[in-house]
Amino acid sequence: MAKGKKPIKVLEGHLGHYKASGLAWTDKRTIAIDKRLKGMDRMETIIHEVIHVQNPKWPEIMVESKAAEIAKILWDLGYRHCDL
């Protein structure tokens, strides 16, 4: 984490009423992820929203491209979310 920046807070909930899988509030360094997401979709959405927080001026097409690439690399390496 960059020196002097607070960590990105991750919230989970039902985001259906927003018609979104994830949301980002760059000024608050907070993201929200729809709790119903699973597998690769969940990973890519988390990465996508984190990129928005880290690079608030990037266009959506660039965020989508980078998030998809990073998620695929991590997925191919075997990273998964597991409930403990």
Protein backbone atom coordinates (compact mmCIF):
# COMPACT_ATOMS: atom_id res chain seq x y z
CA MET A 1 0.00 0.00 0.00
CA ALA A 2 1.23 3.49 -0.79
CA LYS A 3 2.59 5.41 2.16
CA GLY A 4 0.04 7.75 3.69
CA LYS A 5 -3.00 6.24 1.99
CA LYS A 6 -5.63 4.40 3.95
CA PRO A 7 -6.50 0.87 2.84
CA ILE A 8 -9.37 0.30 0.42
CA LYS A 9 -12.46 -0.79 2.32
CA VAL A 10 -14.49 -3.61 0.74
CA LEU A 11 -18.22 -3.90 1.43
CA GLU A 12 -20.49 -6.74 0.31
CA GLY A 13 -24.22 -6.58 -0.23
CA HIS A 14 -27.00 -6.94 -2.77
CA LEU A 15 -26.40 -4.39 -5.53
CA GLY A 16 -29.27 -5.39 -7.80
CA HIS A 17 -31.08 -2.10 -7.27
CA TYR A 18 -27.97 -0.35 -8.65
CA LYS A 19 -27.92 -2.75 -11.62
CA ALA A 20 -24.21 -3.26 -10.93
CA SER A 21 -21.87 -6.04 -9.83
CA GLY A 22 -19.64 -3.56 -8.08
CA LEU A 23 -19.35 0.11 -7.16
CA ALA A 24 -16.43 2.37 -6.22
CA TRP A 25 -16.27 5.56 -4.20
CA THR A 26 -12.83 6.91 -5.02
CA ASP A 27 -12.89 9.77 -2.51
CA LYS A 28 -13.69 7.36 0.35
CA ARG A 29 -11.40 4.57 -0.95
CA THR A 30 -14.33 2.18 -0.64
CA ILE A 31 -15.73 -0.43 -2.99
CA ALA A 32 -18.91 -2.52 -2.84
CA ILE A 33 -19.24 -5.97 -4.37
CA ASP A 34 -22.47 -7.87 -4.93
CA LYS A 35 -22.34 -10.73 -2.44
CA ARG A 36 -23.95 -13.13 -4.93
CA LEU A 37 -20.89 -13.05 -7.22
CA LYS A 38 -18.84 -16.21 -7.37
CA GLY A 39 -15.66 -17.45 -9.00
CA MET A 40 -13.96 -15.52 -11.77
CA ASP A 41 -16.74 -12.88 -11.90
CA ARG A 42 -16.15 -12.03 -8.23
CA MET A 43 -12.39 -11.77 -8.69
CA GLU A 44 -12.63 -9.62 -11.80
CA THR A 45 -15.20 -7.30 -10.18
CA ILE A 46 -13.05 -6.76 -7.09
CA ILE A 47 -10.00 -6.01 -9.24
CA HIS A 48 -12.09 -3.73 -11.48
CA GLU A 49 -13.37 -1.64 -8.58
CA VAL A 50 -9.93 -1.44 -6.93
CA ILE A 51 -8.50 -0.12 -10.21
CA HIS A 52 -11.21 2.57 -10.24
CA VAL A 53 -10.14 3.68 -6.74
CA GLN A 54 -6.45 3.66 -7.64
CA ASN A 55 -6.91 5.36 -11.03
CA PRO A 56 -10.04 7.52 -10.85
CA LYS A 57 -9.33 9.31 -14.16
CA TRP A 58 -8.97 6.16 -16.26
CA PRO A 59 -11.75 5.57 -18.81
CA GLU A 60 -14.01 2.56 -18.25
CA ILE A 61 -12.64 0.71 -21.28
CA MET A 62 -9.13 0.84 -19.83
CA VAL A 63 -10.30 -0.32 -16.39
CA GLU A 64 -12.22 -3.22 -17.97
CA SER A 65 -9.22 -4.32 -20.01
CA LYS A 66 -6.73 -4.22 -17.12
CA ALA A 67 -9.11 -5.92 -14.67
CA ALA A 68 -9.86 -8.74 -17.10
CA GLU A 69 -6.17 -9.33 -17.79
CA ILE A 70 -5.16 -9.34 -14.09
CA ALA A 71 -8.10 -11.58 -13.12
CA LYS A 72 -7.25 -14.11 -15.84
CA ILE A 73 -3.61 -14.25 -14.76
CA LEU A 74 -4.55 -14.82 -11.11
CA TRP A 75 -7.25 -17.36 -12.02
CA ASP A 76 -4.85 -19.31 -14.23
CA LEU A 77 -2.36 -19.37 -11.34
CA GLY A 78 -5.04 -20.98 -9.17
CA TYR A 79 -6.09 -18.09 -6.93
CA ARG A 80 -9.60 -18.60 -5.58
CA HIS A 81 -11.86 -17.19 -2.87
CA CYS A 82 -12.79 -19.63 -0.16
CA ASP A 83 -15.12 -19.16 2.79
CA LEU A 84 -13.39 -20.17 5.98
